Protein backbone atom coordinates (compact mmCIF):
# COMPACT_ATOMS: atom_id res chain seq x y z
CA MET A 1 30.66 -27.97 0.84
CA ILE A 2 29.46 -27.81 4.39
CA THR A 3 26.04 -29.51 4.70
CA ASN A 4 24.59 -26.79 7.01
CA GLU A 5 26.00 -23.83 5.16
CA PHE A 6 22.64 -22.88 3.59
CA SER A 7 20.86 -23.01 6.96
CA LEU A 8 23.59 -20.97 8.64
CA LEU A 9 23.49 -18.23 6.01
CA LEU A 10 19.73 -18.18 5.94
CA THR A 11 19.53 -17.89 9.75
CA THR A 12 22.11 -15.00 9.69
CA PHE A 13 20.23 -13.36 6.88
CA LEU A 14 16.87 -13.32 8.60
CA ALA A 15 17.94 -12.88 12.25
CA LYS A 16 20.89 -10.52 11.94
CA TYR A 17 21.42 -9.02 8.51
CA LEU A 18 17.87 -7.76 7.79
CA PRO A 19 17.03 -6.34 11.25
CA GLY A 20 20.66 -5.31 12.07
CA GLN A 21 22.37 -3.97 8.96
CA ARG A 22 19.33 -3.27 6.79
CA ASN A 23 17.05 -2.10 9.66
CA LEU A 24 14.03 -3.48 7.89
CA SER A 25 10.59 -3.49 9.47
CA HIS A 26 9.08 -6.54 11.08
CA ASN A 27 6.56 -6.91 8.34
CA THR A 28 9.24 -6.94 5.63
CA ILE A 29 11.29 -9.50 7.57
CA SER A 30 8.19 -11.62 7.98
CA SER A 31 7.53 -11.46 4.19
CA TYR A 32 11.13 -12.65 3.49
CA ARG A 33 10.68 -15.41 6.06
CA ASP A 34 7.46 -16.55 4.36
CA CYS A 35 9.25 -16.70 1.02
CA PHE A 36 11.85 -19.09 2.35
CA LYS A 37 9.20 -21.22 4.08
CA LEU A 38 7.56 -21.68 0.68
CA PHE A 39 10.93 -22.28 -0.96
CA LEU A 40 11.64 -25.15 1.60
CA VAL A 41 8.13 -26.61 0.96
CA PHE A 42 8.83 -26.55 -2.74
CA CYS A 43 12.22 -28.32 -2.23
CA THR A 44 10.80 -31.05 -0.02
CA GLU A 45 7.46 -31.64 -1.79
CA GLU A 46 8.29 -30.99 -5.40
CA ARG A 47 12.00 -31.84 -5.64
CA LYS A 48 11.85 -34.56 -2.95
CA LEU A 49 14.91 -33.13 -1.04
CA ASN A 50 15.64 -33.80 2.59
CA LEU A 51 15.10 -30.63 4.53
CA ALA A 52 18.28 -31.10 6.59
CA SER A 53 20.43 -31.67 3.53
CA ILE A 54 19.45 -28.62 1.44
CA GLN A 55 22.48 -26.71 0.30
CA LEU A 56 23.27 -23.48 -1.53
CA ASN A 57 23.58 -25.35 -4.81
CA ASP A 58 19.85 -26.10 -4.48
CA MET A 59 19.30 -22.35 -5.13
CA GLU A 60 20.71 -22.32 -8.61
CA ARG A 61 18.98 -20.18 -11.28
CA GLN A 62 16.99 -23.06 -12.85
CA HIS A 63 15.74 -24.14 -9.41
CA VAL A 64 14.62 -20.61 -8.52
CA ILE A 65 12.80 -20.30 -11.84
CA ALA A 66 11.06 -23.66 -11.17
CA PHE A 67 10.06 -22.38 -7.74
CA LEU A 68 8.59 -19.21 -9.24
CA ASN A 69 6.62 -21.27 -11.78
CA TRP A 70 5.36 -23.48 -8.99
CA LEU A 71 4.08 -20.40 -7.17
CA GLU A 72 2.11 -19.28 -10.22
CA GLU A 73 0.81 -22.72 -11.37
CA SER A 74 0.26 -24.67 -8.17
CA ARG A 75 -0.44 -21.95 -5.63
CA LYS A 76 -2.12 -19.55 -8.15
CA CYS A 77 -0.05 -16.62 -7.02
CA SER A 78 -0.28 -13.36 -8.94
CA ASN A 79 2.61 -11.72 -10.73
CA SER A 80 2.89 -9.20 -7.93
CA THR A 81 3.26 -12.01 -5.36
CA ARG A 82 5.78 -13.75 -7.66
CA ASN A 83 7.83 -10.59 -7.93
CA GLN A 84 7.71 -10.05 -4.15
CA ARG A 85 9.10 -13.57 -3.56
CA LEU A 86 11.79 -13.06 -6.23
CA ALA A 87 12.87 -9.81 -4.58
CA ALA A 88 13.43 -11.70 -1.29
CA LEU A 89 15.49 -14.38 -3.10
CA LYS A 90 17.57 -11.72 -4.85
CA SER A 91 18.24 -10.02 -1.52
CA PHE A 92 19.43 -13.27 -0.08
CA ALA A 93 21.64 -13.91 -3.13
CA HIS A 94 23.25 -10.47 -2.69
CA PHE A 95 23.90 -11.30 0.96
CA VAL A 96 25.39 -14.70 0.09
CA ALA A 97 27.73 -13.07 -2.54
CA SER A 98 29.08 -10.63 0.01
CA GLU A 99 29.64 -13.40 2.60
CA ASN A 100 30.82 -16.19 0.31
CA PRO A 101 32.37 -14.72 -2.83
CA GLU A 102 32.84 -18.25 -4.34
CA TYR A 103 29.11 -18.21 -4.99
CA LEU A 104 29.29 -14.85 -6.86
CA PHE A 105 28.44 -16.22 -10.35
CA GLN A 106 25.50 -18.32 -9.00
CA CYS A 107 24.15 -15.25 -7.20
CA GLN A 108 24.55 -13.04 -10.25
CA GLN A 109 22.47 -15.51 -12.20
CA ILE A 110 19.66 -15.26 -9.64
CA ALA A 111 19.92 -11.48 -9.64
CA ALA A 112 19.48 -11.49 -13.45
CA ILE A 113 16.04 -13.27 -13.34
CA PRO A 114 13.65 -10.61 -14.57
CA MET A 115 10.58 -9.44 -12.75
CA LYS A 116 7.24 -10.02 -14.51
CA ARG A 117 5.18 -7.08 -15.64
CA THR A 118 2.07 -6.57 -13.65
CA ARG A 119 -1.25 -4.89 -14.42
CA GLY A 120 -1.78 -1.51 -12.81
CA ARG A 121 -4.15 -1.64 -9.94
CA VAL A 122 -7.43 0.19 -10.07
CA MET A 123 -7.17 2.98 -7.49
CA ASN A 124 -10.55 3.35 -5.89
CA PHE A 125 -11.31 6.36 -3.67
CA LEU A 126 -14.31 7.87 -1.99
CA SER A 127 -15.69 11.30 -2.69
CA PRO A 128 -16.12 13.72 0.18
CA GLU A 129 -19.75 12.79 0.29
CA GLY A 130 -18.72 9.10 0.51
CA ILE A 131 -16.37 9.83 3.38
CA HIS A 132 -19.06 11.68 5.21
CA ALA A 133 -21.56 8.86 4.70
CA LEU A 134 -18.97 6.27 5.86
CA LEU A 135 -18.37 8.13 9.15
CA LEU A 136 -22.09 8.40 9.78
CA GLN A 137 -22.19 4.63 9.97
CA THR A 138 -20.40 4.53 13.29
CA ASP A 139 -22.64 4.37 16.40
CA THR A 140 -20.78 6.81 18.70
CA ARG A 141 -23.09 5.96 21.61
CA THR A 142 -21.11 2.79 22.15
CA TRP A 143 -17.42 2.30 23.00
CA ARG A 144 -16.67 0.27 19.84
CA GLY A 145 -18.47 2.89 17.72
CA CYS A 146 -16.42 5.67 19.21
CA ARG A 147 -13.22 3.66 18.50
CA ASP A 148 -14.29 2.98 14.97
CA HIS A 149 -15.17 6.59 14.35
CA ALA A 150 -11.85 7.92 15.74
CA LEU A 151 -10.00 5.24 13.71
CA LEU A 152 -11.68 6.15 10.40
CA VAL A 153 -11.31 9.82 10.95
CA LEU A 154 -7.64 9.73 11.76
CA MET A 155 -6.86 7.23 8.94
CA TYR A 156 -8.49 9.49 6.39
CA ASP A 157 -7.45 12.89 7.83
CA CYS A 158 -3.73 11.90 7.96
CA ALA A 159 -3.78 9.49 4.96
CA LEU A 160 -2.29 6.70 7.01
CA ARG A 161 -1.18 3.29 5.84
CA VAL A 162 -2.71 0.42 7.79
CA GLN A 163 0.54 -0.48 9.50
CA GLU A 164 1.18 3.10 10.43
CA LEU A 165 -2.22 3.28 12.02
CA ILE A 166 -2.02 0.12 14.13
CA ASP A 167 1.53 0.94 15.29
CA LEU A 168 0.45 4.28 16.76
CA THR A 169 0.69 4.73 20.50
CA ILE A 170 -1.07 7.30 22.63
CA GLY A 171 2.31 9.04 23.11
CA ASP A 172 2.54 9.65 19.32
CA LEU A 173 -0.31 12.16 19.52
CA ARG A 174 0.03 15.76 20.64
CA LEU A 175 -3.50 17.11 20.87
CA ASP A 176 -2.60 20.56 22.21
CA SER A 177 -2.62 23.26 19.54
CA PRO A 178 -1.02 22.90 17.09
CA ALA A 179 -2.12 19.18 17.15
CA VAL A 180 0.20 16.74 15.37
CA VAL A 181 0.76 12.98 15.09
CA LYS A 182 4.23 11.34 14.78
CA ILE A 183 4.13 8.49 12.32
CA LEU A 184 6.66 5.74 11.71
CA GLY A 185 6.39 5.03 7.95
CA LYS A 186 8.05 2.94 5.32
CA GLY A 187 11.84 2.73 5.51
CA ARG A 188 11.70 3.32 9.31
CA LYS A 189 11.29 7.05 8.61
CA TYR A 190 9.35 9.29 10.91
CA ARG A 191 7.14 12.19 9.68
CA ILE A 192 4.98 14.73 11.53
CA ILE A 193 1.46 15.22 10.26
CA PRO A 194 -0.73 18.06 11.47
CA ILE A 195 -4.21 17.23 12.76
CA THR A 196 -7.24 19.37 12.30
CA SER A 197 -8.91 20.78 15.41
CA LYS A 198 -12.00 18.72 14.77
CA THR A 199 -10.04 15.52 14.56
CA ALA A 200 -8.05 16.42 17.62
CA ASN A 201 -11.33 16.85 19.58
CA ILE A 202 -12.58 13.46 18.43
CA LEU A 203 -9.31 11.79 19.46
CA SER A 204 -9.25 13.65 22.82
CA ASN A 205 -12.66 12.28 23.70
CA TYR A 206 -11.73 8.82 22.53
CA ILE A 207 -8.51 8.72 24.54
CA HIS A 208 -10.40 9.92 27.64
CA ASP A 209 -12.77 6.97 27.35
CA LEU A 210 -9.91 4.59 26.55
CA LYS A 211 -8.09 5.54 29.73
CA TRP A 212 -11.30 5.09 31.71
CA ARG A 213 -11.81 1.58 30.21
CA SER A 214 -8.23 0.28 30.66
CA HIS A 215 -5.04 1.06 32.47
CA CYS A 216 -3.03 2.54 29.64
CA ASN A 217 -0.04 4.84 29.36
CA LEU A 218 1.73 6.74 26.60
CA ASP A 219 3.27 3.53 25.20
CA SER A 220 -0.12 1.74 24.97
CA PRO A 221 -1.63 1.13 21.49
CA LEU A 222 -3.87 3.99 20.36
CA PHE A 223 -6.47 1.64 18.81
CA GLN A 224 -7.10 -1.57 20.78
CA ASN A 225 -9.22 -4.69 20.53
CA ASN A 226 -11.29 -6.13 23.29
CA ARG A 227 -8.14 -7.74 24.83
CA HIS A 228 -6.45 -4.26 24.99
CA SER A 229 -3.93 -5.30 22.34
CA LYS A 230 -3.31 -3.35 19.21
CA LEU A 231 -5.50 -4.12 16.22
CA THR A 232 -4.28 -6.16 13.36
CA ARG A 233 -4.40 -5.37 9.66
CA VAL A 234 -7.23 -7.82 9.24
CA GLY A 235 -9.05 -6.17 12.20
CA VAL A 236 -8.81 -2.70 10.60
CA SER A 237 -10.07 -4.03 7.27
CA GLY A 238 -12.93 -5.73 9.03
CA ILE A 239 -13.98 -2.52 10.70
CA LEU A 240 -13.96 -0.61 7.41
CA GLN A 241 -15.95 -3.34 5.58
CA LYS A 242 -18.52 -3.44 8.35
CA HIS A 243 -19.35 0.20 7.81
CA ILE A 244 -19.04 -0.08 4.01
CA GLN A 245 -21.67 -2.78 4.21
CA GLY A 246 -23.83 -0.40 6.33
CA MET A 247 -23.65 2.12 3.55
CA LYS A 248 -24.87 -0.52 1.08
CA ILE A 249 -27.80 -1.45 3.27
CA GLN A 250 -28.85 2.17 3.46
CA GLY A 251 -28.92 2.41 -0.34
CA LEU A 252 -25.68 4.41 -0.66
CA SER A 253 -23.92 2.02 -3.08
CA HIS A 254 -23.59 4.80 -5.59
CA LEU A 255 -21.04 6.39 -3.24
CA ILE A 256 -18.87 3.21 -3.22
CA PRO A 257 -16.68 3.06 -6.36
CA GLY A 258 -15.87 -0.61 -6.44
CA LYS A 259 -13.81 -2.48 -3.88
CA ILE A 260 -12.87 -0.20 -0.94
CA SER A 261 -9.91 -1.11 1.26
CA PRO A 262 -8.21 0.78 4.10
CA HIS A 263 -5.66 2.09 1.57
CA SER A 264 -8.58 3.66 -0.33
CA LEU A 265 -8.97 6.18 2.48
CA ARG A 266 -5.33 7.18 1.92
CA HIS A 267 -6.01 7.57 -1.81
CA SER A 268 -9.15 9.56 -1.04
CA LYS A 269 -7.23 12.04 1.10
CA ALA A 270 -4.49 12.50 -1.53
CA VAL A 271 -7.02 13.17 -4.31
CA HIS A 272 -8.98 15.58 -2.17
CA LEU A 273 -5.79 17.50 -1.25
CA LEU A 274 -4.87 17.75 -4.96
CA ARG A 275 -8.32 19.00 -5.91
CA SER A 276 -8.03 21.62 -3.19
CA GLY A 277 -4.92 23.03 -4.88
CA VAL A 278 -2.23 21.61 -2.63
CA PRO A 279 1.02 21.23 -4.63
CA LEU A 280 2.26 17.71 -5.32
CA ILE A 281 5.48 18.24 -3.43
CA TYR A 282 3.53 18.91 -0.20
CA ILE A 283 1.31 15.92 -0.77
CA ARG A 284 4.44 13.84 -1.18
CA ASP A 285 5.67 14.86 2.27
CA PHE A 286 2.19 14.40 3.70
CA LEU A 287 1.98 10.77 2.38
CA GLY A 288 5.60 9.95 3.26
CA HIS A 289 6.65 9.12 -0.33
CA SER A 290 10.33 9.03 -1.02
CA SER A 291 9.85 10.61 -4.43
CA VAL A 292 7.31 12.96 -6.05
CA THR A 293 7.16 10.58 -8.97
CA THR A 294 5.18 8.17 -6.81
CA THR A 295 2.75 10.94 -5.89
CA GLU A 296 2.23 11.96 -9.54
CA ILE A 297 -0.22 9.05 -9.95
CA TYR A 298 -2.83 11.15 -8.15
CA ALA A 299 -2.37 13.98 -10.67
CA LYS A 300 -3.10 11.50 -13.42
CA ILE A 301 -6.28 10.36 -11.67
CA ASP A 302 -7.39 13.94 -11.24
CA SER A 303 -6.73 14.76 -14.94
CA GLU A 304 -8.97 11.79 -15.91
CA GLU A 305 -11.73 13.13 -13.69
CA LYS A 306 -11.36 16.60 -15.33
CA ARG A 307 -11.49 14.99 -18.87
CA LYS A 308 -14.69 13.23 -18.04
CA ALA A 309 -16.19 16.38 -16.62
CA ILE A 310 -15.29 18.34 -19.74
CA GLU A 311 -16.72 15.73 -22.05
CA ASN A 312 -19.98 15.68 -20.18
CA ALA A 313 -20.21 19.44 -20.08
CA TYR A 314 -19.23 20.00 -23.76
CA PRO A 315 -20.45 17.02 -25.80
CA VAL A 316 -18.66 16.60 -29.17
CA GLN A 317 -20.88 17.07 -32.19
CA SER A 318 -21.62 14.01 -34.28
CA GLN A 319 -19.60 13.41 -37.44
CA GLU A 320 -22.70 14.13 -39.66
CA ILE A 321 -22.97 17.74 -38.63
CA VAL A 322 -19.22 18.53 -38.53
CA PRO A 323 -18.42 20.73 -41.65
CA SER A 324 -16.34 18.89 -44.27
CA TRP A 325 -13.45 20.92 -45.74
CA GLU A 326 -13.33 18.58 -48.68
CA LYS A 327 -16.44 20.26 -50.23
CA ASP A 328 -15.01 23.76 -49.90
CA GLU A 329 -13.35 24.40 -53.34
CA ASN A 330 -12.03 27.84 -52.35
CA LEU A 331 -10.27 26.27 -49.32
CA ILE A 332 -8.82 23.51 -51.44
CA ASN A 333 -7.55 25.93 -54.06
CA TRP A 334 -5.96 28.11 -51.32
CA LEU A 335 -4.21 25.07 -49.79
CA SER A 336 -2.99 23.93 -53.18
CA ASN A 337 -1.38 27.28 -54.01
CA PHE A 338 -0.12 27.91 -50.48
CA CYS A 339 3.37 26.57 -51.10
CA LYS A 340 3.85 27.68 -54.64
């Protein structure tokens, strides 16, 4: 066993295999990197191993399970986070098995570790009235208000993921009719989304002001912070929460269904499209889902809303006033003789 074999394989996995052969996004690679940073912390702090002497044998099945338990018990990670870390370790095990077949059995044991079942997340979304109230919170008389307004409008109108939004450049927009935006989504796949004329006008005015404020070109970030750099995920979330708080101050809490995140705007658009009669297969392409099965969750949400509406419109009579067939002797006799 070569002492630095683990470090060599891990470096190759993160620096060459994931970006080169797998063509994974920067965020995914960063997530895998963070997993192994935690694994090394576990090895040094809990197992008292020397960082420089960690080898592949230190990634045996029982050690991986102990690491996962440490994540849950010591770091209070959720099942979803645990599963995410395990997925990174399984991917590395698959890579090791292809590079070093002598570790095939050890890697198969890691691949056989089951994922934990997770609770389904509550999918909160705003009503059209809620979206309208949210957009009214932005003060378009200021530069920052204009940016926030354009950001929230585009994120809702095109049902963008946060990463898709912050990765947009000015050149990704075509505001001439028919206006569209080119989006780089999950799996490094591009999709073209149409923009409504009203949204196109808002973006056109915003970009005009942006060019006046800074020397930008087609490759410049569409939404920038005060340093003219692209916004972060935390920054986008902060913008949304600021205006959600504004709604609460104005007494509009009834329009806020629980915790609202940037992804809630994506959910809102999907539900509104479905209720407008747009087929699921078109919503799938609009959202950039790889399968319509993922999109079907919005149909389930909509059916729940319909059920609630029906129950409110047509209340079920109480049990006391529902007729009892047991007291109808003619009906009982008919049923008794039915199969004779």
